[in-house]
């Protein structure tokens, strides 16, 4: 492979890693709000239900997003844990080729479980 193709490929991999890291960090910022939902004393916000972008609902005055039709604990325990695990495994697989070979089977198992668990929520919405 020529030097130009190698550097272009490397740039795309770095961009993908940066994007996945941003998505993972964005989702991590939601965790404290999901954990404290209903116990944080914000009655006005809590009375409207859990939102998909719960962090923006607290940070931006007047911001409203779509409602989540599941309790926060279910979202936190299953969806967030599996999703963040998959994102970090993908980042590791992009960083090092030997890690890609080592983590390919667990990555696909986690991805399959994530997809299966999302089916009931998708049908409810």
N, C-alpha and C. Protein backbone atom coordinates (compact mmCIF):
# COMPACT_ATOMS: atom_id res chain seq x y z
N UNK A 1 0.85 -1.17 0.00
CA UNK A 1 0.00 0.00 0.00
C UNK A 1 0.90 1.24 0.00
N UNK A 2 0.52 2.20 -0.76
CA UNK A 2 1.33 3.40 -0.85
C UNK A 2 1.20 4.24 0.42
N UNK A 3 2.11 5.17 0.55
CA UNK A 3 2.14 6.03 1.73
C UNK A 3 0.88 6.89 1.82
N UNK A 4 0.36 7.36 0.69
CA UNK A 4 -0.84 8.20 0.68
C UNK A 4 -2.06 7.42 1.14
N UNK A 5 -2.21 6.19 0.63
CA UNK A 5 -3.34 5.36 1.03
C UNK A 5 -3.27 5.00 2.51
N UNK A 6 -2.06 4.71 2.99
CA UNK A 6 -1.89 4.36 4.40
C UNK A 6 -2.25 5.52 5.30
N UNK A 7 -1.83 6.73 4.94
CA UNK A 7 -2.14 7.88 5.79
C UNK A 7 -3.63 8.22 5.72
N UNK A 8 -4.27 8.04 4.56
CA UNK A 8 -5.71 8.29 4.44
C UNK A 8 -6.49 7.27 5.27
N UNK A 9 -6.06 6.01 5.21
CA UNK A 9 -6.71 4.97 6.00
C UNK A 9 -6.54 5.25 7.48
N UNK A 10 -5.35 5.66 7.87
CA UNK A 10 -5.09 5.99 9.27
C UNK A 10 -5.94 7.17 9.73
N UNK A 11 -6.13 8.14 8.87
CA UNK A 11 -6.95 9.31 9.22
C UNK A 11 -8.40 8.89 9.45
N UNK A 12 -8.92 7.99 8.60
CA UNK A 12 -10.30 7.52 8.77
C UNK A 12 -10.46 6.72 10.06
N UNK A 13 -9.48 5.90 10.38
CA UNK A 13 -9.53 5.12 11.62
C UNK A 13 -9.51 6.06 12.83
N UNK A 14 -8.64 7.06 12.79
CA UNK A 14 -8.58 8.02 13.90
C UNK A 14 -9.88 8.80 14.02
N UNK A 15 -10.48 9.16 12.90
CA UNK A 15 -11.76 9.87 12.93
C UNK A 15 -12.85 8.98 13.50
N UNK A 16 -12.85 7.70 13.13
CA UNK A 16 -13.84 6.77 13.67
C UNK A 16 -13.66 6.59 15.17
N UNK A 17 -12.42 6.48 15.62
CA UNK A 17 -12.15 6.35 17.05
C UNK A 17 -12.62 7.59 17.79
N UNK A 18 -12.34 8.76 17.24
CA UNK A 18 -12.76 10.01 17.90
C UNK A 18 -14.28 10.08 17.97
N UNK A 19 -14.97 9.73 16.89
CA UNK A 19 -16.42 9.75 16.88
C UNK A 19 -17.00 8.79 17.91
N UNK A 20 -16.49 7.56 17.96
CA UNK A 20 -16.98 6.58 18.92
C UNK A 20 -16.69 7.02 20.36
N UNK A 21 -15.55 7.63 20.58
CA UNK A 21 -15.24 8.13 21.92
C UNK A 21 -16.19 9.24 22.33
N UNK A 22 -16.53 10.13 21.41
CA UNK A 22 -17.48 11.21 21.70
C UNK A 22 -18.86 10.64 22.01
N UNK A 23 -19.30 9.65 21.24
CA UNK A 23 -20.60 9.02 21.49
C UNK A 23 -20.61 8.35 22.87
N UNK A 24 -19.53 7.65 23.19
CA UNK A 24 -19.45 6.99 24.49
C UNK A 24 -19.46 8.01 25.64
N UNK A 25 -18.68 9.07 25.51
CA UNK A 25 -18.65 10.09 26.56
C UNK A 25 -19.99 10.81 26.68
N UNK A 26 -20.66 11.05 25.56
CA UNK A 26 -21.98 11.68 25.59
C UNK A 26 -22.96 10.83 26.39
N UNK A 27 -22.91 9.52 26.17
CA UNK A 27 -23.81 8.62 26.90
C UNK A 27 -23.43 8.50 28.37
N UNK A 28 -22.15 8.61 28.68
CA UNK A 28 -21.73 8.58 30.08
C UNK A 28 -22.28 9.79 30.83
N UNK A 29 -22.41 10.94 30.15
CA UNK A 29 -22.93 12.13 30.83
C UNK A 29 -24.39 11.96 31.24
N UNK A 30 -25.11 11.01 30.64
CA UNK A 30 -26.51 10.77 31.01
C UNK A 30 -26.65 9.96 32.29
N UNK A 31 -25.63 9.19 32.63
CA UNK A 31 -25.75 8.25 33.74
C UNK A 31 -26.09 8.89 35.09
N UNK A 32 -25.45 10.00 35.50
CA UNK A 32 -25.83 10.58 36.80
C UNK A 32 -27.28 11.04 36.84
N UNK A 33 -27.79 11.55 35.74
CA UNK A 33 -29.18 12.02 35.72
C UNK A 33 -30.15 10.84 35.76
N UNK A 34 -29.79 9.75 35.08
CA UNK A 34 -30.66 8.57 35.13
C UNK A 34 -30.66 7.94 36.52
N UNK A 35 -29.49 7.93 37.17
CA UNK A 35 -29.40 7.34 38.50
C UNK A 35 -30.18 8.15 39.53
N UNK A 36 -30.23 9.46 39.35
CA UNK A 36 -30.90 10.30 40.35
C UNK A 36 -32.34 10.63 39.97
N UNK A 37 -32.84 10.11 38.84
CA UNK A 37 -34.18 10.45 38.41
C UNK A 37 -35.20 10.03 39.47
N UNK A 38 -36.06 10.95 39.84
CA UNK A 38 -37.09 10.69 40.85
C UNK A 38 -36.63 10.97 42.27
N UNK A 39 -35.33 11.12 42.48
CA UNK A 39 -34.81 11.36 43.82
C UNK A 39 -34.02 12.65 43.92
N UNK A 40 -34.04 13.46 42.87
CA UNK A 40 -33.21 14.65 42.86
C UNK A 40 -33.94 15.92 43.29
N UNK A 41 -35.21 15.81 43.61
CA UNK A 41 -35.97 16.96 44.08
C UNK A 41 -36.49 17.85 42.98
N UNK A 42 -36.23 17.55 41.74
CA UNK A 42 -36.69 18.36 40.62
C UNK A 42 -38.07 17.84 40.19
N UNK A 43 -39.09 18.21 40.93
CA UNK A 43 -40.43 17.67 40.73
C UNK A 43 -40.99 18.08 39.37
N UNK A 44 -40.75 19.30 38.95
CA UNK A 44 -41.28 19.77 37.67
C UNK A 44 -40.73 18.95 36.51
N UNK A 45 -39.44 18.66 36.54
CA UNK A 45 -38.84 17.87 35.47
C UNK A 45 -39.29 16.41 35.56
N UNK A 46 -39.27 15.85 36.76
CA UNK A 46 -39.59 14.44 36.94
C UNK A 46 -41.05 14.13 36.63
N UNK A 47 -41.95 15.09 36.78
CA UNK A 47 -43.37 14.84 36.53
C UNK A 47 -43.66 14.58 35.05
N UNK A 48 -42.77 15.03 34.17
CA UNK A 48 -42.98 14.83 32.73
C UNK A 48 -42.41 13.51 32.24
N UNK A 49 -41.69 12.78 33.07
CA UNK A 49 -41.15 11.48 32.69
C UNK A 49 -39.72 11.55 32.19
N UNK A 50 -39.15 10.38 32.02
CA UNK A 50 -37.76 10.28 31.58
C UNK A 50 -37.66 10.61 30.10
N UNK A 51 -36.66 11.40 29.75
CA UNK A 51 -36.42 11.78 28.36
C UNK A 51 -35.19 11.05 27.83
N UNK A 52 -35.13 10.91 26.52
CA UNK A 52 -33.98 10.23 25.91
C UNK A 52 -32.70 11.03 26.10
N UNK A 53 -32.77 12.35 25.98
CA UNK A 53 -31.59 13.20 26.21
C UNK A 53 -31.77 13.87 27.56
N UNK A 54 -31.72 13.06 28.61
CA UNK A 54 -31.99 13.56 29.96
C UNK A 54 -30.96 14.60 30.38
N UNK A 55 -29.72 14.48 29.91
CA UNK A 55 -28.70 15.46 30.27
C UNK A 55 -29.03 16.84 29.70
N UNK A 56 -29.48 16.91 28.46
CA UNK A 56 -29.84 18.21 27.88
C UNK A 56 -31.06 18.81 28.56
N UNK A 57 -31.97 17.96 29.03
CA UNK A 57 -33.14 18.45 29.75
C UNK A 57 -32.77 19.17 31.03
N UNK A 58 -31.65 18.80 31.63
CA UNK A 58 -31.18 19.47 32.83
C UNK A 58 -30.25 20.64 32.52
N UNK A 59 -29.51 20.56 31.43
CA UNK A 59 -28.54 21.59 31.12
C UNK A 59 -29.13 22.77 30.37
N UNK A 60 -30.08 22.54 29.48
CA UNK A 60 -30.63 23.59 28.62
C UNK A 60 -32.05 23.90 29.07
N UNK A 61 -32.25 25.12 29.51
CA UNK A 61 -33.57 25.52 30.02
C UNK A 61 -34.61 25.43 28.91
N UNK A 62 -35.70 24.73 29.21
CA UNK A 62 -36.80 24.60 28.26
C UNK A 62 -36.63 23.49 27.24
N UNK A 63 -35.51 22.76 27.28
CA UNK A 63 -35.29 21.69 26.29
C UNK A 63 -36.16 20.48 26.63
N UNK A 64 -36.85 19.94 25.64
CA UNK A 64 -37.67 18.74 25.80
C UNK A 64 -37.29 17.77 24.70
N UNK A 65 -37.16 16.51 25.05
CA UNK A 65 -36.90 15.49 24.02
C UNK A 65 -37.95 14.40 24.13
N UNK A 66 -37.86 13.39 23.30
CA UNK A 66 -38.84 12.31 23.30
C UNK A 66 -38.79 11.56 24.63
N UNK A 67 -39.92 11.01 25.00
CA UNK A 67 -40.02 10.26 26.25
C UNK A 67 -39.51 8.84 26.07
N UNK A 68 -38.92 8.34 27.13
CA UNK A 68 -38.48 6.96 27.17
C UNK A 68 -39.59 6.16 27.85
N UNK A 69 -39.97 5.05 27.29
CA UNK A 69 -41.09 4.28 27.82
C UNK A 69 -40.63 3.13 28.71
N UNK A 70 -39.50 3.28 29.33
CA UNK A 70 -38.99 2.27 30.22
C UNK A 70 -38.47 2.95 31.48
N UNK A 71 -38.48 2.26 32.60
CA UNK A 71 -37.93 2.87 33.81
C UNK A 71 -36.43 3.15 33.64
N UNK A 72 -35.93 4.19 34.29
CA UNK A 72 -34.51 4.54 34.13
C UNK A 72 -33.57 3.41 34.54
N UNK A 73 -33.95 2.62 35.56
CA UNK A 73 -33.06 1.55 36.00
C UNK A 73 -32.89 0.50 34.92
N UNK A 74 -33.95 0.17 34.17
CA UNK A 74 -33.82 -0.80 33.09
C UNK A 74 -32.92 -0.28 31.99
N UNK A 75 -33.08 0.99 31.65
CA UNK A 75 -32.25 1.60 30.62
C UNK A 75 -30.79 1.60 31.07
N UNK A 76 -30.59 1.98 32.31
CA UNK A 76 -29.24 2.08 32.84
C UNK A 76 -28.55 0.73 32.90
N UNK A 77 -29.23 -0.25 33.46
CA UNK A 77 -28.59 -1.54 33.69
C UNK A 77 -28.27 -2.28 32.41
N UNK A 78 -29.18 -2.26 31.46
CA UNK A 78 -28.98 -3.08 30.26
C UNK A 78 -28.43 -2.25 29.11
N UNK A 79 -29.17 -1.27 28.68
CA UNK A 79 -28.82 -0.55 27.47
C UNK A 79 -27.50 0.22 27.59
N UNK A 80 -27.35 0.98 28.64
CA UNK A 80 -26.13 1.78 28.80
C UNK A 80 -24.91 0.90 28.98
N UNK A 81 -25.03 -0.12 29.81
CA UNK A 81 -23.88 -0.99 30.06
C UNK A 81 -23.46 -1.72 28.78
N UNK A 82 -24.42 -2.30 28.08
CA UNK A 82 -24.07 -3.01 26.84
C UNK A 82 -23.57 -2.05 25.77
N UNK A 83 -24.25 -0.91 25.61
CA UNK A 83 -23.85 0.04 24.58
C UNK A 83 -22.45 0.59 24.79
N UNK A 84 -22.13 0.96 26.01
CA UNK A 84 -20.80 1.49 26.29
C UNK A 84 -19.74 0.41 26.13
N UNK A 85 -20.06 -0.82 26.52
CA UNK A 85 -19.12 -1.92 26.33
C UNK A 85 -18.83 -2.13 24.85
N UNK A 86 -19.87 -2.11 24.04
CA UNK A 86 -19.69 -2.29 22.59
C UNK A 86 -18.86 -1.15 21.99
N UNK A 87 -19.14 0.07 22.40
CA UNK A 87 -18.37 1.21 21.87
C UNK A 87 -16.90 1.10 22.23
N UNK A 88 -16.60 0.77 23.49
CA UNK A 88 -15.19 0.68 23.89
C UNK A 88 -14.50 -0.51 23.23
N UNK A 89 -15.21 -1.62 23.03
CA UNK A 89 -14.63 -2.75 22.32
C UNK A 89 -14.34 -2.39 20.87
N UNK A 90 -15.22 -1.61 20.27
CA UNK A 90 -14.98 -1.17 18.89
C UNK A 90 -13.76 -0.25 18.82
N UNK A 91 -13.63 0.64 19.78
CA UNK A 91 -12.46 1.52 19.80
C UNK A 91 -11.18 0.69 19.94
N UNK A 92 -11.20 -0.29 20.85
CA UNK A 92 -10.02 -1.14 21.01
C UNK A 92 -9.70 -1.91 19.73
N UNK A 93 -10.73 -2.37 19.05
CA UNK A 93 -10.48 -3.12 17.81
C UNK A 93 -9.92 -2.24 16.70
N UNK A 94 -10.23 -0.96 16.73
CA UNK A 94 -9.68 -0.06 15.72
C UNK A 94 -8.25 0.37 16.04
N UNK A 95 -7.89 0.32 17.32
CA UNK A 95 -6.55 0.77 17.72
C UNK A 95 -5.48 -0.25 17.35
N UNK A 96 -5.77 -1.52 17.59
CA UNK A 96 -4.74 -2.54 17.46
C UNK A 96 -5.32 -3.77 16.77
N UNK A 97 -4.63 -4.27 15.76
CA UNK A 97 -5.14 -5.41 14.99
C UNK A 97 -5.17 -6.69 15.84
N UNK A 98 -4.24 -6.87 16.74
CA UNK A 98 -4.27 -8.07 17.58
C UNK A 98 -5.46 -8.03 18.53
N UNK A 99 -5.82 -6.84 19.00
CA UNK A 99 -7.01 -6.72 19.85
C UNK A 99 -8.26 -7.01 19.03
N UNK A 100 -8.24 -6.64 17.75
CA UNK A 100 -9.38 -6.90 16.87
C UNK A 100 -9.64 -8.40 16.79
N UNK A 101 -8.58 -9.17 16.66
CA UNK A 101 -8.72 -10.63 16.59
C UNK A 101 -9.16 -11.19 17.94
N UNK A 102 -8.66 -10.63 19.01
CA UNK A 102 -8.98 -11.13 20.35
C UNK A 102 -10.42 -10.80 20.75
N UNK A 103 -10.91 -9.61 20.40
CA UNK A 103 -12.21 -9.16 20.88
C UNK A 103 -13.34 -9.33 19.87
N UNK A 104 -13.08 -9.97 18.72
CA UNK A 104 -14.13 -10.03 17.70
C UNK A 104 -15.32 -10.88 18.17
N UNK A 105 -15.08 -12.03 18.78
CA UNK A 105 -16.20 -12.86 19.22
C UNK A 105 -17.00 -12.21 20.35
N UNK A 106 -16.34 -11.72 21.42
CA UNK A 106 -17.15 -11.04 22.45
C UNK A 106 -17.88 -9.81 21.92
N UNK A 107 -17.26 -9.08 20.99
CA UNK A 107 -17.90 -7.90 20.42
C UNK A 107 -19.20 -8.29 19.73
N UNK A 108 -19.16 -9.32 18.91
CA UNK A 108 -20.37 -9.71 18.19
C UNK A 108 -21.42 -10.28 19.13
N UNK A 109 -21.01 -10.99 20.19
CA UNK A 109 -22.00 -11.48 21.16
C UNK A 109 -22.68 -10.32 21.87
N UNK A 110 -21.89 -9.33 22.30
CA UNK A 110 -22.49 -8.16 22.94
C UNK A 110 -23.40 -7.41 21.97
N UNK A 111 -22.99 -7.30 20.71
CA UNK A 111 -23.81 -6.60 19.72
C UNK A 111 -25.13 -7.35 19.47
N UNK A 112 -25.07 -8.68 19.44
CA UNK A 112 -26.29 -9.47 19.25
C UNK A 112 -27.22 -9.30 20.44
N UNK A 113 -26.68 -9.35 21.64
CA UNK A 113 -27.50 -9.17 22.85
C UNK A 113 -28.12 -7.78 22.87
N UNK A 114 -27.34 -6.78 22.49
CA UNK A 114 -27.85 -5.40 22.43
C UNK A 114 -29.00 -5.29 21.44
N UNK A 115 -28.86 -5.92 20.29
CA UNK A 115 -29.92 -5.89 19.29
C UNK A 115 -31.18 -6.61 19.75
N UNK A 116 -31.01 -7.76 20.39
CA UNK A 116 -32.16 -8.52 20.87
C UNK A 116 -32.89 -7.77 21.97
N UNK A 117 -32.15 -7.16 22.87
CA UNK A 117 -32.81 -6.46 23.98
C UNK A 117 -33.57 -5.22 23.49
N UNK A 118 -33.16 -4.67 22.35
CA UNK A 118 -33.80 -3.46 21.85
C UNK A 118 -35.12 -3.74 21.14
N UNK A 119 -35.39 -4.98 20.77
CA UNK A 119 -36.60 -5.31 20.02
C UNK A 119 -37.88 -4.94 20.79
N UNK A 120 -38.06 -5.34 22.07
CA UNK A 120 -39.29 -4.96 22.76
C UNK A 120 -39.49 -3.45 22.90
N UNK A 121 -38.42 -2.72 23.17
CA UNK A 121 -38.53 -1.27 23.28
C UNK A 121 -38.87 -0.65 21.93
N UNK A 122 -38.31 -1.20 20.87
CA UNK A 122 -38.63 -0.68 19.53
C UNK A 122 -40.08 -0.92 19.17
N UNK A 123 -40.59 -2.06 19.54
CA UNK A 123 -41.99 -2.36 19.25
C UNK A 123 -42.94 -1.50 20.09
N UNK A 124 -42.53 -1.16 21.32
CA UNK A 124 -43.36 -0.33 22.19
C UNK A 124 -43.44 1.10 21.71
N UNK A 125 -42.38 1.59 21.09
CA UNK A 125 -42.38 2.98 20.63
C UNK A 125 -42.89 3.01 19.23
